[in-house]
């Protein structure tokens, strides 16, 4: 499904995807690039920081670092699923907060 948004001043129309995002689910581990491309810099920066911590934990050779790396892997899987489910919704909400309006038949939804 898609959402059509219209800029009130310029009349520009954007058609954004809704629902699950495979790109965000599979790509957030690559320094959060899909998040930056969708205009979500805070979430992208969070993933960059998370990836740096995970890389550091993976390079340290100790039992504690191995355990931390295991937990970070579990958290990474959880974040991948979360961003897969929510990234498209977050982008639509971002555009709505910037003043864009829903266009077309789905415009009455909140």
Foldseek 3Di string as FASTA:
>chain_A
DWFWWAAPPPRDIDIFDAFFDPCQLPPLLVQHVVCVVLPNVVVSPVSNVLNVLLVVLVPDDDPVSVVVNVVSVVVSNVSSRVCRGCVRVVSVVVVVVVRIATDDDPRVDD
